[in-house]
Amino acid sequence: MSAPGGASVSLHHAAAIAVAALAIAVASPTLAASPRVDNPAVDRVLVVKHTHRLYLLHKQQVIRSYQVWLGRQPKGTKTREGDGRTPEGVYRLDGRNSNSRFHLALHISYPGPEDIERAQRLGVSPGGAIMVHGLPKGFEHLDPARFRDDWTEGCIALSNRAVEEIWSLVADDTPIEIRP
């Protein structure tokens, strides 16, 4: 397993990251809509699909953690348009949509060169329009915990309050790593 920055990480270290993230979540149960002055700059976003968590990192330290929902087929990386999978790999958050039908949306730079090559070898379209986004319009009143299953077409979904915080804390062109 590799850590942000490419360093090798043991399962023990990964468990420690998860415990640290839980401690942060417990220590700050309410999410602010705008960053505080004392917030360190987010220099990397990490998504761990098998734990359904998105982490905001500063110098490899977790500063925020969120529950996420993934593509309706969460195991495996995205290989083609319409497969319902969330991509895996290192990308960038390269754009924003404040008028998204999913509240706010941050665009992920998928497909990358390797994704395009793989899709060409398979003779399929790799797809695109993969985002980190909130809940669909009309569902804002629901508690996000009510979504038991992954439901997106390949995006990474969060509560509206969580995506508002991420929107305010994460700069354009921040790397995002999506792990199995």
C-alpha atoms as a PDB file:
ATOM      1  CA  MET A   1       0.000   0.000   0.000  1.00  0.00           C
ATOM      2  CA  SER A   2       1.369   3.491  -0.716  1.00  0.00           C
ATOM      3  CA  ALA A   3       0.892   6.604   1.348  1.00  0.00           C
ATOM      4  CA  PRO A   4       0.437  10.095  -0.030  1.00  0.00           C
ATOM      5  CA  GLY A   5       3.723  11.050  -1.637  1.00  0.00           C
ATOM      6  CA  GLY A   6       4.438   7.454  -2.687  1.00  0.00           C
ATOM      7  CA  ALA A   7       5.871   6.128   0.603  1.00  0.00           C
ATOM      8  CA  SER A   8       5.110   2.519   1.455  1.00  0.00           C
ATOM      9  CA  VAL A   9       2.548   1.965   4.217  1.00  0.00           C
ATOM     10  CA  SER A  10       1.814  -1.142   6.265  1.00  0.00           C
ATOM     11  CA  LEU A  11      -1.680  -2.214   7.226  1.00  0.00           C
ATOM     12  CA  HIS A  12      -0.775  -1.135  10.765  1.00  0.00           C
ATOM     13  CA  HIS A  13      -0.016   2.391   9.498  1.00  0.00           C
ATOM     14  CA  ALA A  14      -3.247   2.454   7.481  1.00  0.00           C
ATOM     15  CA  ALA A  15      -5.164   1.473  10.622  1.00  0.00           C
ATOM     16  CA  ALA A  16      -3.440   4.293  12.518  1.00  0.00           C
ATOM     17  CA  ILE A  17      -4.574   6.752   9.828  1.00  0.00           C
ATOM     18  CA  ALA A  18      -8.127   5.503  10.192  1.00  0.00           C
ATOM     19  CA  VAL A  19      -7.964   5.873  13.995  1.00  0.00           C
ATOM     20  CA  ALA A  20      -6.573   9.407  13.634  1.00  0.00           C
ATOM     21  CA  ALA A  21      -9.367  10.253  11.218  1.00  0.00           C
ATOM     22  CA  LEU A  22     -11.942   8.916  13.665  1.00  0.00           C
ATOM     23  CA  ALA A  23     -10.427  10.996  16.461  1.00  0.00           C
ATOM     24  CA  ILE A  24     -10.705  14.100  14.287  1.00  0.00           C
ATOM     25  CA  ALA A  25     -14.306  13.305  13.419  1.00  0.00           C
ATOM     26  CA  VAL A  26     -15.168  12.837  17.104  1.00  0.00           C
ATOM     27  CA  ALA A  27     -13.262  15.970  18.151  1.00  0.00           C
ATOM     28  CA  SER A  28     -15.075  18.156  15.615  1.00  0.00           C
ATOM     29  CA  PRO A  29     -18.633  16.851  15.243  1.00  0.00           C
ATOM     30  CA  THR A  30     -19.934  19.928  13.438  1.00  0.00           C
ATOM     31  CA  LEU A  31     -18.611  21.035  10.089  1.00  0.00           C
ATOM     32  CA  ALA A  32     -18.139  24.711   9.317  1.00  0.00           C
ATOM     33  CA  ALA A  33     -19.229  26.096   5.950  1.00  0.00           C
ATOM     34  CA  SER A  34     -16.079  28.209   5.623  1.00  0.00           C
ATOM     35  CA  PRO A  35     -12.469  27.620   6.672  1.00  0.00           C
ATOM     36  CA  ARG A  36     -11.132  28.929   9.954  1.00  0.00           C
ATOM     37  CA  VAL A  37      -7.955  30.985   9.917  1.00  0.00           C
ATOM     38  CA  ASP A  38      -6.097  28.278  11.843  1.00  0.00           C
ATOM     39  CA  ASN A  39      -6.894  25.546   9.271  1.00  0.00           C
ATOM     40  CA  PRO A  40      -3.733  24.277   7.620  1.00  0.00           C
ATOM     41  CA  ALA A  41      -3.747  24.235   3.827  1.00  0.00           C
ATOM     42  CA  VAL A  42      -5.036  21.025   2.281  1.00  0.00           C
ATOM     43  CA  ASP A  43      -2.292  19.703   0.014  1.00  0.00           C
ATOM     44  CA  ARG A  44      -3.829  16.333  -0.881  1.00  0.00           C
ATOM     45  CA  VAL A  45      -7.171  14.545  -0.878  1.00  0.00           C
ATOM     46  CA  LEU A  46      -7.257  10.787  -0.268  1.00  0.00           C
ATOM     47  CA  VAL A  47     -10.248   8.518  -0.888  1.00  0.00           C
ATOM     48  CA  VAL A  48     -10.144   4.960   0.448  1.00  0.00           C
ATOM     49  CA  LYS A  49     -12.941   3.114  -1.301  1.00  0.00           C
ATOM     50  CA  HIS A  50     -13.143   0.016   0.905  1.00  0.00           C
ATOM     51  CA  THR A  51     -13.661   2.165   4.030  1.00  0.00           C
ATOM     52  CA  HIS A  52     -15.897   4.719   2.262  1.00  0.00           C
ATOM     53  CA  ARG A  53     -13.784   7.607   3.598  1.00  0.00           C
ATOM     54  CA  LEU A  54     -12.429  10.810   2.091  1.00  0.00           C
ATOM     55  CA  TYR A  55      -9.529  12.450   3.943  1.00  0.00           C
ATOM     56  CA  LEU A  56      -8.173  15.985   3.629  1.00  0.00           C
ATOM     57  CA  LEU A  57      -4.418  15.937   4.267  1.00  0.00           C
ATOM     58  CA  HIS A  58      -1.795  18.520   5.131  1.00  0.00           C
ATOM     59  CA  LYS A  59       1.794  17.231   5.004  1.00  0.00           C
ATOM     60  CA  GLN A  60       0.485  13.641   5.254  1.00  0.00           C
ATOM     61  CA  GLN A  61      -1.528  14.445   8.399  1.00  0.00           C
ATOM     62  CA  VAL A  62      -5.295  13.936   8.322  1.00  0.00           C
ATOM     63  CA  ILE A  63      -7.055  17.210   9.101  1.00  0.00           C
ATOM     64  CA  ARG A  64     -10.621  16.178   8.129  1.00  0.00           C
ATOM     65  CA  SER A  65     -12.420  12.926   7.361  1.00  0.00           C
ATOM     66  CA  TYR A  66     -15.808  12.279   5.733  1.00  0.00           C
ATOM     67  CA  GLN A  67     -18.077   9.351   4.882  1.00  0.00           C
ATOM     68  CA  VAL A  68     -18.581   8.947   1.123  1.00  0.00           C
ATOM     69  CA  TRP A  69     -20.731   6.983  -1.304  1.00  0.00           C
ATOM     70  CA  LEU A  70     -19.219   5.664  -4.508  1.00  0.00           C
ATOM     71  CA  GLY A  71     -20.259   4.254  -7.854  1.00  0.00           C
ATOM     72  CA  ARG A  72     -22.934   1.565  -7.637  1.00  0.00           C
ATOM     73  CA  GLN A  73     -20.217  -1.038  -8.445  1.00  0.00           C
ATOM     74  CA  PRO A  74     -17.575   0.069  -5.928  1.00  0.00           C
ATOM     75  CA  LYS A  75     -15.068  -2.797  -6.325  1.00  0.00           C
ATOM     76  CA  GLY A  76     -12.462  -2.403  -9.024  1.00  0.00           C
ATOM     77  CA  THR A  77     -11.387   0.622 -11.000  1.00  0.00           C
ATOM     78  CA  LYS A  78     -13.414   2.338 -13.699  1.00  0.00           C
ATOM     79  CA  THR A  79     -12.611   0.836 -17.103  1.00  0.00           C
ATOM     80  CA  ARG A  80     -15.417   2.161 -19.294  1.00  0.00           C
ATOM     81  CA  GLU A  81     -18.248   4.628 -19.491  1.00  0.00           C
ATOM     82  CA  GLY A  82     -21.369   3.320 -17.756  1.00  0.00           C
ATOM     83  CA  ASP A  83     -19.690   0.612 -15.650  1.00  0.00           C
ATOM     84  CA  GLY A  84     -20.818   2.280 -12.390  1.00  0.00           C
ATOM     85  CA  ARG A  85     -17.310   2.183 -10.938  1.00  0.00           C
ATOM     86  CA  THR A  86     -15.305   4.918  -9.258  1.00  0.00           C
ATOM     87  CA  PRO A  87     -11.813   5.293 -10.773  1.00  0.00           C
ATOM     88  CA  GLU A  88      -8.660   4.426  -8.843  1.00  0.00           C
ATOM     89  CA  GLY A  89      -5.392   6.298  -9.181  1.00  0.00           C
ATOM     90  CA  VAL A  90      -3.939   9.761  -8.749  1.00  0.00           C
ATOM     91  CA  TYR A  91      -5.782  12.655 -10.373  1.00  0.00           C
ATOM     92  CA  ARG A  92      -6.335  16.384  -9.737  1.00  0.00           C
ATOM     93  CA  LEU A  93      -9.351  18.389  -8.644  1.00  0.00           C
ATOM     94  CA  ASP A  94      -9.302  20.563 -11.727  1.00  0.00           C
ATOM     95  CA  GLY A  95     -12.625  22.406 -11.802  1.00  0.00           C
ATOM     96  CA  ARG A  96     -15.778  23.402  -9.917  1.00  0.00           C
ATOM     97  CA  ASN A  97     -19.482  23.536 -10.641  1.00  0.00           C
ATOM     98  CA  SER A  98     -21.503  25.684  -8.243  1.00  0.00           C
ATOM     99  CA  ASN A  99     -24.689  24.989 -10.258  1.00  0.00           C
ATOM    100  CA  SER A 100     -24.469  21.195 -10.153  1.00  0.00           C
ATOM    101  CA  ARG A 101     -27.659  19.173  -9.799  1.00  0.00           C
ATOM    102  CA  PHE A 102     -25.747  17.580  -6.890  1.00  0.00           C
ATOM    103  CA  HIS A 103     -25.383  20.777  -4.825  1.00  0.00           C
ATOM    104  CA  LEU A 104     -21.681  21.605  -5.375  1.00  0.00           C
ATOM    105  CA  ALA A 105     -19.281  19.542  -7.479  1.00  0.00           C
ATOM    106  CA  LEU A 106     -15.497  19.423  -7.807  1.00  0.00           C
ATOM    107  CA  HIS A 107     -14.305  17.836 -11.056  1.00  0.00           C
ATOM    108  CA  ILE A 108     -11.716  15.024 -10.965  1.00  0.00           C
ATOM    109  CA  SER A 109      -9.270  14.918 -13.898  1.00  0.00           C
ATOM    110  CA  TYR A 110     -10.357  11.402 -14.904  1.00  0.00           C
ATOM    111  CA  PRO A 111      -9.619   9.954 -17.445  1.00  0.00           C
ATOM    112  CA  GLY A 112      -5.871  10.179 -17.230  1.00  0.00           C
ATOM    113  CA  PRO A 113      -3.470   8.878 -19.912  1.00  0.00           C
ATOM    114  CA  GLU A 114      -3.423   5.329 -18.459  1.00  0.00           C
ATOM    115  CA  ASP A 115      -7.241   5.252 -18.300  1.00  0.00           C
ATOM    116  CA  ILE A 116      -7.475   6.362 -21.930  1.00  0.00           C
ATOM    117  CA  GLU A 117      -4.910   3.726 -23.015  1.00  0.00           C
ATOM    118  CA  ARG A 118      -6.778   0.956 -21.166  1.00  0.00           C
ATOM    119  CA  ALA A 119     -10.105   1.993 -22.714  1.00  0.00           C
ATOM    120  CA  GLN A 120      -8.546   2.120 -26.206  1.00  0.00           C
ATOM    121  CA  ARG A 121      -7.148  -1.405 -25.741  1.00  0.00           C
ATOM    122  CA  LEU A 122     -10.663  -2.553 -24.766  1.00  0.00           C
ATOM    123  CA  GLY A 123     -12.260  -0.618 -27.629  1.00  0.00           C
ATOM    124  CA  VAL A 124     -14.518   1.379 -25.286  1.00  0.00           C
ATOM    125  CA  SER A 125     -14.963   4.947 -24.064  1.00  0.00           C
ATOM    126  CA  PRO A 126     -13.327   5.566 -20.660  1.00  0.00           C
ATOM    127  CA  GLY A 127     -16.172   7.884 -19.629  1.00  0.00           C
ATOM    128  CA  GLY A 128     -15.662  11.124 -17.767  1.00  0.00           C
ATOM    129  CA  ALA A 129     -17.442  13.750 -15.678  1.00  0.00           C
ATOM    130  CA  ILE A 130     -16.274  12.152 -12.425  1.00  0.00           C
ATOM    131  CA  MET A 131     -16.889  14.508  -9.503  1.00  0.00           C
ATOM    132  CA  VAL A 132     -16.762  14.909  -5.752  1.00  0.00           C
ATOM    133  CA  HIS A 133     -20.282  16.181  -5.079  1.00  0.00           C
ATOM    134  CA  GLY A 134     -23.177  16.574  -2.658  1.00  0.00           C
ATOM    135  CA  LEU A 135     -26.684  15.146  -2.654  1.00  0.00           C
ATOM    136  CA  PRO A 136     -29.084  15.450  -5.580  1.00  0.00           C
ATOM    137  CA  LYS A 137     -31.398  18.443  -5.554  1.00  0.00           C
ATOM    138  CA  GLY A 138     -34.595  17.494  -3.775  1.00  0.00           C
ATOM    139  CA  PHE A 139     -32.826  15.126  -1.339  1.00  0.00           C
ATOM    140  CA  GLU A 140     -31.125  17.784   0.818  1.00  0.00           C
ATOM    141  CA  HIS A 141     -33.496  17.137   3.714  1.00  0.00           C
ATOM    142  CA  LEU A 142     -32.466  13.491   4.044  1.00  0.00           C
ATOM    143  CA  ASP A 143     -29.887  12.383   6.554  1.00  0.00           C
ATOM    144  CA  PRO A 144     -27.010  11.095   4.388  1.00  0.00           C
ATOM    145  CA  ALA A 145     -26.691   8.052   6.684  1.00  0.00           C
ATOM    146  CA  ARG A 146     -29.980   6.839   5.159  1.00  0.00           C
ATOM    147  CA  PHE A 147     -28.123   6.008   1.945  1.00  0.00           C
ATOM    148  CA  ARG A 148     -27.061   2.440   2.720  1.00  0.00           C
ATOM    149  CA  ASP A 149     -25.722   1.573  -0.703  1.00  0.00           C
ATOM    150  CA  ASP A 150     -23.356   3.202  -3.137  1.00  0.00           C
ATOM    151  CA  TRP A 151     -25.493   5.011  -5.676  1.00  0.00           C
ATOM    152  CA  THR A 152     -23.473   7.208  -8.042  1.00  0.00           C
ATOM    153  CA  GLU A 153     -22.455   6.493 -11.631  1.00  0.00           C
ATOM    154  CA  GLY A 154     -18.798   6.602 -10.534  1.00  0.00           C
ATOM    155  CA  CYS A 155     -18.575   9.862  -8.597  1.00  0.00           C
ATOM    156  CA  ILE A 156     -17.710  10.383  -4.937  1.00  0.00           C
ATOM    157  CA  ALA A 157     -20.738  11.717  -3.049  1.00  0.00           C
ATOM    158  CA  LEU A 158     -20.932  13.310   0.407  1.00  0.00           C
ATOM    159  CA  SER A 159     -23.444  15.209   2.486  1.00  0.00           C
ATOM    160  CA  ASN A 160     -24.072  18.763   1.307  1.00  0.00           C
ATOM    161  CA  ARG A 161     -22.516  20.178   4.454  1.00  0.00           C
ATOM    162  CA  ALA A 162     -19.369  18.092   3.939  1.00  0.00           C
ATOM    163  CA  VAL A 163     -18.997  19.101   0.285  1.00  0.00           C
ATOM    164  CA  GLU A 164     -19.443  22.766   1.285  1.00  0.00           C
ATOM    165  CA  GLU A 165     -16.550  22.420   3.709  1.00  0.00           C
ATOM    166  CA  ILE A 166     -14.377  20.629   1.147  1.00  0.00           C
ATOM    167  CA  TRP A 167     -15.265  23.320  -1.424  1.00  0.00           C
ATOM    168  CA  SER A 168     -13.992  25.991   0.969  1.00  0.00           C
ATOM    169  CA  LEU A 169     -10.836  24.155   2.097  1.00  0.00           C
ATOM    170  CA  VAL A 170      -9.507  22.583  -1.109  1.00  0.00           C
ATOM    171  CA  ALA A 171      -7.865  24.700  -3.798  1.00  0.00           C
ATOM    172  CA  ASP A 172      -8.148  24.013  -7.512  1.00  0.00           C
ATOM    173  CA  ASP A 173      -5.478  21.655  -8.861  1.00  0.00           C
ATOM    174  CA  THR A 174      -5.114  19.776  -5.542  1.00  0.00           C
ATOM    175  CA  PRO A 175      -4.098  16.133  -6.082  1.00  0.00           C
ATOM    176  CA  ILE A 176      -6.688  13.488  -5.242  1.00  0.00           C
ATOM    177  CA  GLU A 177      -5.666   9.859  -4.800  1.00  0.00           C
ATOM    178  CA  ILE A 178      -8.385   7.217  -4.975  1.00  0.00           C
ATOM    179  CA  ARG A 179      -7.404   3.840  -3.522  1.00  0.00           C
ATOM    180  CA  PRO A 180      -9.240   0.513  -3.601  1.00  0.00           C
END
